[in-house]
Amino acid sequence: MEKTELQINGLTQSQASIHSSAFILLLKEINGPRTLPIVIAHPEAQSIAIELEKMKPKRPFTHDLFKTFASAYGIELQEVIIYDLKEGIFYAKLICDQKGNRVEIDSRTSDAVALAIRFNCPVYTYEFILRLAGTDPTTEAKKEVIAKPKKAKAKKEITAQQSIEELELELEKALEIEDYEKASNIRDQINRIKNQQ
């Protein structure tokens, strides 16, 4: 079966979910318009966001630990495949190599993507999954809103009047208490202020 490569197109808090801590991971096909929205939990969303933003937490996340462990034993993650969709649940597997031996490991899709980012390896799916669950903004105008990543609100509102120095102090505090969602929002505001200068 032919595989289609995906790339991360966004991560947004779910407004429709009954769980306030749910997020939507948006994976877009590289050579096409379709996006695959996948509902994931807050811890995995945080782990993905931290690696995408190149933030350095004080203590390693589980996915960082897994990468360190795998590397110590010569295991390399070569690719992630989202291979099935049953009753709204996506199924993924890690395709690993250990000194020439191919090993396939079952994984939750959110964990698989968090690891793919850390190992810098591709994420694939199959055409039937894109047909079943993919959204196409060129043909589905109503679903277009889902495909646009939206920043989650910071827990504490940050005013535009704060200086860059004050924001950098807030950023340090947020990183110290491991509030990476807030840290990401503060960093974005610092970048916006710097770009306007």
C-alpha atoms as a PDB file:
ATOM      1  CA  MET A   1       0.000   0.000   0.000  1.00  0.00           C
ATOM      2  CA  GLU A   2       1.376   3.413  -0.963  1.00  0.00           C
ATOM      3  CA  LYS A   3       2.144   5.797   1.887  1.00  0.00           C
ATOM      4  CA  THR A   4       1.462   9.548   1.992  1.00  0.00           C
ATOM      5  CA  GLU A   5       3.862  11.719   3.977  1.00  0.00           C
ATOM      6  CA  LEU A   6       2.419  14.158   6.507  1.00  0.00           C
ATOM      7  CA  GLN A   7       3.801  17.227   8.247  1.00  0.00           C
ATOM      8  CA  ILE A   8       2.626  19.015  11.387  1.00  0.00           C
ATOM      9  CA  ASN A   9       0.427  21.915  10.347  1.00  0.00           C
ATOM     10  CA  GLY A  10      -0.754  23.090  13.746  1.00  0.00           C
ATOM     11  CA  LEU A  11      -1.789  22.297  17.274  1.00  0.00           C
ATOM     12  CA  THR A  12      -4.885  23.924  18.713  1.00  0.00           C
ATOM     13  CA  GLN A  13      -7.103  23.538  21.751  1.00  0.00           C
ATOM     14  CA  SER A  14     -10.295  21.664  20.960  1.00  0.00           C
ATOM     15  CA  GLN A  15     -13.435  23.781  21.330  1.00  0.00           C
ATOM     16  CA  ALA A  16     -15.826  20.935  20.523  1.00  0.00           C
ATOM     17  CA  SER A  17     -14.494  18.343  22.940  1.00  0.00           C
ATOM     18  CA  ILE A  18     -16.218  17.688  26.269  1.00  0.00           C
ATOM     19  CA  HIS A  19     -12.714  17.460  27.725  1.00  0.00           C
ATOM     20  CA  SER A  20     -11.266  20.933  28.188  1.00  0.00           C
ATOM     21  CA  SER A  21      -7.755  19.495  28.099  1.00  0.00           C
ATOM     22  CA  ALA A  22      -8.145  18.010  24.606  1.00  0.00           C
ATOM     23  CA  PHE A  23      -6.144  19.389  21.687  1.00  0.00           C
ATOM     24  CA  ILE A  24      -6.273  18.856  17.937  1.00  0.00           C
ATOM     25  CA  LEU A  25      -3.076  17.913  16.169  1.00  0.00           C
ATOM     26  CA  LEU A  26      -3.251  18.893  12.498  1.00  0.00           C
ATOM     27  CA  LEU A  27      -1.208  16.747  10.111  1.00  0.00           C
ATOM     28  CA  LYS A  28      -1.205  17.923   6.481  1.00  0.00           C
ATOM     29  CA  GLU A  29      -0.238  15.831   3.497  1.00  0.00           C
ATOM     30  CA  ILE A  30       2.985  17.242   2.037  1.00  0.00           C
ATOM     31  CA  ASN A  31       1.945  16.998  -1.601  1.00  0.00           C
ATOM     32  CA  GLY A  32      -1.731  17.843  -1.283  1.00  0.00           C
ATOM     33  CA  PRO A  33      -4.356  20.019   0.404  1.00  0.00           C
ATOM     34  CA  ARG A  34      -5.815  17.534   2.913  1.00  0.00           C
ATOM     35  CA  THR A  35      -5.340  17.800   6.652  1.00  0.00           C
ATOM     36  CA  LEU A  36      -5.790  15.011   9.174  1.00  0.00           C
ATOM     37  CA  PRO A  37      -7.146  16.363  12.508  1.00  0.00           C
ATOM     38  CA  ILE A  38      -6.339  14.090  15.467  1.00  0.00           C
ATOM     39  CA  VAL A  39      -7.636  14.692  18.998  1.00  0.00           C
ATOM     40  CA  ILE A  40      -4.866  14.274  21.577  1.00  0.00           C
ATOM     41  CA  ALA A  41      -4.513  14.816  25.318  1.00  0.00           C
ATOM     42  CA  HIS A  42      -2.825  17.778  27.000  1.00  0.00           C
ATOM     43  CA  PRO A  43       0.427  15.991  28.060  1.00  0.00           C
ATOM     44  CA  GLU A  44       1.174  14.812  24.518  1.00  0.00           C
ATOM     45  CA  ALA A  45       0.181  18.208  23.066  1.00  0.00           C
ATOM     46  CA  GLN A  46       2.558  19.882  25.522  1.00  0.00           C
ATOM     47  CA  SER A  47       5.367  17.470  24.637  1.00  0.00           C
ATOM     48  CA  ILE A  48       4.870  18.089  20.904  1.00  0.00           C
ATOM     49  CA  ALA A  49       4.660  21.881  21.346  1.00  0.00           C
ATOM     50  CA  ILE A  50       7.817  22.041  23.464  1.00  0.00           C
ATOM     51  CA  GLU A  51       9.854  20.164  20.867  1.00  0.00           C
ATOM     52  CA  LEU A  52       8.402  22.212  17.987  1.00  0.00           C
ATOM     53  CA  GLU A  53       9.231  25.432  19.831  1.00  0.00           C
ATOM     54  CA  LYS A  54      12.726  24.136  20.702  1.00  0.00           C
ATOM     55  CA  MET A  55      12.191  24.866  24.381  1.00  0.00           C
ATOM     56  CA  LYS A  56      14.457  23.147  26.887  1.00  0.00           C
ATOM     57  CA  PRO A  57      12.583  21.910  29.963  1.00  0.00           C
ATOM     58  CA  LYS A  58      14.533  21.480  33.200  1.00  0.00           C
ATOM     59  CA  ARG A  59      13.633  17.777  33.363  1.00  0.00           C
ATOM     60  CA  PRO A  60      13.166  15.453  30.374  1.00  0.00           C
ATOM     61  CA  PHE A  61       9.672  14.540  29.229  1.00  0.00           C
ATOM     62  CA  THR A  62       8.780  10.876  28.736  1.00  0.00           C
ATOM     63  CA  HIS A  63       9.376  11.209  24.984  1.00  0.00           C
ATOM     64  CA  ASP A  64      12.835  12.691  25.610  1.00  0.00           C
ATOM     65  CA  LEU A  65      13.602   9.789  27.951  1.00  0.00           C
ATOM     66  CA  PHE A  66      12.459   7.288  25.321  1.00  0.00           C
ATOM     67  CA  LYS A  67      14.758   8.856  22.716  1.00  0.00           C
ATOM     68  CA  THR A  68      17.738   8.829  25.097  1.00  0.00           C
ATOM     69  CA  PHE A  69      17.005   5.211  26.044  1.00  0.00           C
ATOM     70  CA  ALA A  70      16.613   4.115  22.407  1.00  0.00           C
ATOM     71  CA  SER A  71      19.801   5.903  21.348  1.00  0.00           C
ATOM     72  CA  ALA A  72      21.749   4.293  24.209  1.00  0.00           C
ATOM     73  CA  TYR A  73      20.829   0.866  22.819  1.00  0.00           C
ATOM     74  CA  GLY A  74      21.417   1.727  19.161  1.00  0.00           C
ATOM     75  CA  ILE A  75      17.727   1.913  18.243  1.00  0.00           C
ATOM     76  CA  GLU A  76      16.840   4.483  15.596  1.00  0.00           C
ATOM     77  CA  LEU A  77      13.257   5.506  14.804  1.00  0.00           C
ATOM     78  CA  GLN A  78      13.088   5.547  11.003  1.00  0.00           C
ATOM     79  CA  GLU A  79       9.443   6.392  10.406  1.00  0.00           C
ATOM     80  CA  VAL A  80       5.981   6.570  11.925  1.00  0.00           C
ATOM     81  CA  ILE A  81       2.977   5.114  10.106  1.00  0.00           C
ATOM     82  CA  ILE A  82      -0.623   5.954  10.997  1.00  0.00           C
ATOM     83  CA  TYR A  83      -1.965   2.697   9.617  1.00  0.00           C
ATOM     84  CA  ASP A  84      -5.593   2.375  10.716  1.00  0.00           C
ATOM     85  CA  LEU A  85      -8.696   4.216  11.906  1.00  0.00           C
ATOM     86  CA  LYS A  86     -11.377   2.359  13.882  1.00  0.00           C
ATOM     87  CA  GLU A  87     -14.332   3.989  15.649  1.00  0.00           C
ATOM     88  CA  GLY A  88     -12.618   7.385  15.560  1.00  0.00           C
ATOM     89  CA  ILE A  89      -9.327   6.100  16.995  1.00  0.00           C
ATOM     90  CA  PHE A  90      -6.139   6.355  14.942  1.00  0.00           C
ATOM     91  CA  TYR A  91      -3.599   3.534  15.188  1.00  0.00           C
ATOM     92  CA  ALA A  92       0.110   4.124  14.627  1.00  0.00           C
ATOM     93  CA  LYS A  93       3.322   2.148  14.701  1.00  0.00           C
ATOM     94  CA  LEU A  94       6.953   3.036  15.096  1.00  0.00           C
ATOM     95  CA  ILE A  95       9.267   1.545  12.476  1.00  0.00           C
ATOM     96  CA  CYS A  96      12.641   1.154  14.186  1.00  0.00           C
ATOM     97  CA  ASP A  97      16.055  -0.112  13.195  1.00  0.00           C
ATOM     98  CA  GLN A  98      18.502  -1.742  15.572  1.00  0.00           C
ATOM     99  CA  LYS A  99      21.752  -2.591  13.841  1.00  0.00           C
ATOM    100  CA  GLY A 100      20.012  -3.702  10.653  1.00  0.00           C
ATOM    101  CA  ASN A 101      17.039  -5.401  12.343  1.00  0.00           C
ATOM    102  CA  ARG A 102      13.644  -3.852  11.556  1.00  0.00           C
ATOM    103  CA  VAL A 103      11.271  -3.691  14.509  1.00  0.00           C
ATOM    104  CA  GLU A 104       7.658  -2.464  14.485  1.00  0.00           C
ATOM    105  CA  ILE A 105       6.215  -1.149  17.749  1.00  0.00           C
ATOM    106  CA  ASP A 106       2.536  -0.326  18.318  1.00  0.00           C
ATOM    107  CA  SER A 107       1.995   3.220  19.594  1.00  0.00           C
ATOM    108  CA  ARG A 108      -0.641   5.818  20.289  1.00  0.00           C
ATOM    109  CA  THR A 109      -0.576   8.311  17.432  1.00  0.00           C
ATOM    110  CA  SER A 110       0.155  11.278  19.708  1.00  0.00           C
ATOM    111  CA  ASP A 111       3.171   9.505  21.239  1.00  0.00           C
ATOM    112  CA  ALA A 112       4.371   8.421  17.801  1.00  0.00           C
ATOM    113  CA  VAL A 113       4.283  12.004  16.482  1.00  0.00           C
ATOM    114  CA  ALA A 114       6.035  13.342  19.616  1.00  0.00           C
ATOM    115  CA  LEU A 115       8.817  10.795  19.009  1.00  0.00           C
ATOM    116  CA  ALA A 116       8.979  11.468  15.250  1.00  0.00           C
ATOM    117  CA  ILE A 117       9.754  15.126  15.978  1.00  0.00           C
ATOM    118  CA  ARG A 118      12.562  14.153  18.359  1.00  0.00           C
ATOM    119  CA  PHE A 119      14.068  11.594  15.983  1.00  0.00           C
ATOM    120  CA  ASN A 120      13.522  13.904  12.988  1.00  0.00           C
ATOM    121  CA  CYS A 121      11.852  11.126  11.026  1.00  0.00           C
ATOM    122  CA  PRO A 122       8.886  11.199   8.610  1.00  0.00           C
ATOM    123  CA  VAL A 123       5.240  10.507   9.489  1.00  0.00           C
ATOM    124  CA  TYR A 124       3.117   8.626   6.950  1.00  0.00           C
ATOM    125  CA  THR A 125      -0.457   7.476   6.521  1.00  0.00           C
ATOM    126  CA  TYR A 126      -2.446   5.646   3.872  1.00  0.00           C
ATOM    127  CA  GLU A 127      -4.884   7.046   1.304  1.00  0.00           C
ATOM    128  CA  PHE A 128      -7.933   5.330   2.821  1.00  0.00           C
ATOM    129  CA  ILE A 129      -7.331   7.124   6.148  1.00  0.00           C
ATOM    130  CA  LEU A 130      -7.081  10.506   4.413  1.00  0.00           C
ATOM    131  CA  ARG A 131     -10.310   9.711   2.538  1.00  0.00           C
ATOM    132  CA  LEU A 132     -12.091   8.715   5.766  1.00  0.00           C
ATOM    133  CA  ALA A 133     -10.880  11.444   8.138  1.00  0.00           C
ATOM    134  CA  GLY A 134      -9.008  14.068   6.117  1.00  0.00           C
ATOM    135  CA  THR A 135     -10.365  17.551   5.577  1.00  0.00           C
ATOM    136  CA  ASP A 136      -9.874  19.351   2.278  1.00  0.00           C
ATOM    137  CA  PRO A 137     -10.273  23.159   2.456  1.00  0.00           C
ATOM    138  CA  THR A 138     -10.598  23.361  -1.318  1.00  0.00           C
ATOM    139  CA  THR A 139     -13.799  21.279  -1.300  1.00  0.00           C
ATOM    140  CA  GLU A 140     -15.097  21.508   2.268  1.00  0.00           C
ATOM    141  CA  ALA A 141     -15.537  25.177   3.123  1.00  0.00           C
ATOM    142  CA  LYS A 142     -17.288  24.392   6.412  1.00  0.00           C
ATOM    143  CA  LYS A 143     -14.347  22.395   7.720  1.00  0.00           C
ATOM    144  CA  GLU A 144     -11.788  25.039   6.738  1.00  0.00           C
ATOM    145  CA  VAL A 145     -11.924  26.552  10.226  1.00  0.00           C
ATOM    146  CA  ILE A 146     -10.592  23.303  11.741  1.00  0.00           C
ATOM    147  CA  ALA A 147      -7.471  23.442   9.570  1.00  0.00           C
ATOM    148  CA  LYS A 148      -6.338  26.820  10.920  1.00  0.00           C
ATOM    149  CA  PRO A 149      -4.129  26.489  14.019  1.00  0.00           C
ATOM    150  CA  LYS A 150      -5.151  28.761  16.844  1.00  0.00           C
ATOM    151  CA  LYS A 151      -3.055  29.693  19.857  1.00  0.00           C
ATOM    152  CA  ALA A 152      -4.472  28.647  23.197  1.00  0.00           C
ATOM    153  CA  LYS A 153      -5.015  31.530  25.608  1.00  0.00           C
ATOM    154  CA  ALA A 154      -2.406  32.031  28.269  1.00  0.00           C
ATOM    155  CA  LYS A 155      -3.617  31.393  31.793  1.00  0.00           C
ATOM    156  CA  LYS A 156      -2.666  34.943  32.747  1.00  0.00           C
ATOM    157  CA  GLU A 157      -3.412  37.759  30.319  1.00  0.00           C
ATOM    158  CA  ILE A 158      -0.227  39.567  29.265  1.00  0.00           C
ATOM    159  CA  THR A 159      -0.673  43.255  28.449  1.00  0.00           C
ATOM    160  CA  ALA A 160       0.904  44.875  25.400  1.00  0.00           C
ATOM    161  CA  GLN A 161       2.417  47.621  27.584  1.00  0.00           C
ATOM    162  CA  GLN A 162       4.838  45.275  29.298  1.00  0.00           C
ATOM    163  CA  SER A 163       8.380  45.770  28.164  1.00  0.00           C
ATOM    164  CA  ILE A 164      10.417  43.016  26.556  1.00  0.00           C
ATOM    165  CA  GLU A 165      12.475  42.770  29.752  1.00  0.00           C
ATOM    166  CA  GLU A 166       9.361  42.191  31.851  1.00  0.00           C
ATOM    167  CA  LEU A 167       8.105  39.610  29.363  1.00  0.00           C
ATOM    168  CA  GLU A 168      11.456  37.813  29.440  1.00  0.00           C
ATOM    169  CA  LEU A 169      11.212  37.620  33.249  1.00  0.00           C
ATOM    170  CA  GLU A 170       7.677  36.223  32.913  1.00  0.00           C
ATOM    171  CA  LEU A 171       9.032  33.714  30.377  1.00  0.00           C
ATOM    172  CA  GLU A 172      11.722  32.537  32.802  1.00  0.00           C
ATOM    173  CA  LYS A 173       9.144  32.123  35.576  1.00  0.00           C
ATOM    174  CA  ALA A 174       6.827  30.140  33.298  1.00  0.00           C
ATOM    175  CA  LEU A 175       9.693  27.833  32.289  1.00  0.00           C
ATOM    176  CA  GLU A 176      10.706  27.363  35.938  1.00  0.00           C
ATOM    177  CA  ILE A 177       7.238  26.135  36.893  1.00  0.00           C
ATOM    178  CA  GLU A 178       7.025  24.165  33.617  1.00  0.00           C
ATOM    179  CA  ASP A 179       3.992  26.068  32.294  1.00  0.00           C
ATOM    180  CA  TYR A 180       5.062  25.648  28.670  1.00  0.00           C
ATOM    181  CA  GLU A 181       1.760  26.777  27.197  1.00  0.00           C
ATOM    182  CA  LYS A 182       2.149  30.154  28.912  1.00  0.00           C
ATOM    183  CA  ALA A 183       5.849  30.282  27.985  1.00  0.00           C
ATOM    184  CA  SER A 184       5.004  29.729  24.330  1.00  0.00           C
ATOM    185  CA  ASN A 185       2.466  32.579  24.386  1.00  0.00           C
ATOM    186  CA  ILE A 186       4.936  34.941  26.082  1.00  0.00           C
ATOM    187  CA  ARG A 187       7.669  34.061  23.585  1.00  0.00           C
ATOM    188  CA  ASP A 188       5.261  34.777  20.707  1.00  0.00           C
ATOM    189  CA  GLN A 189       4.435  38.183  22.205  1.00  0.00           C
ATOM    190  CA  ILE A 190       8.134  39.030  22.585  1.00  0.00           C
ATOM    191  CA  ASN A 191       8.699  38.128  18.931  1.00  0.00           C
ATOM    192  CA  ARG A 192       5.727  40.267  17.838  1.00  0.00           C
ATOM    193  CA  ILE A 193       7.045  43.288  19.769  1.00  0.00           C
ATOM    194  CA  LYS A 194      10.544  42.815  18.339  1.00  0.00           C
ATOM    195  CA  ASN A 195       9.157  42.545  14.784  1.00  0.00           C
ATOM    196  CA  GLN A 196       7.220  45.809  15.218  1.00  0.00           C
ATOM    197  CA  GLN A 197      10.333  47.738  16.307  1.00  0.00           C
END
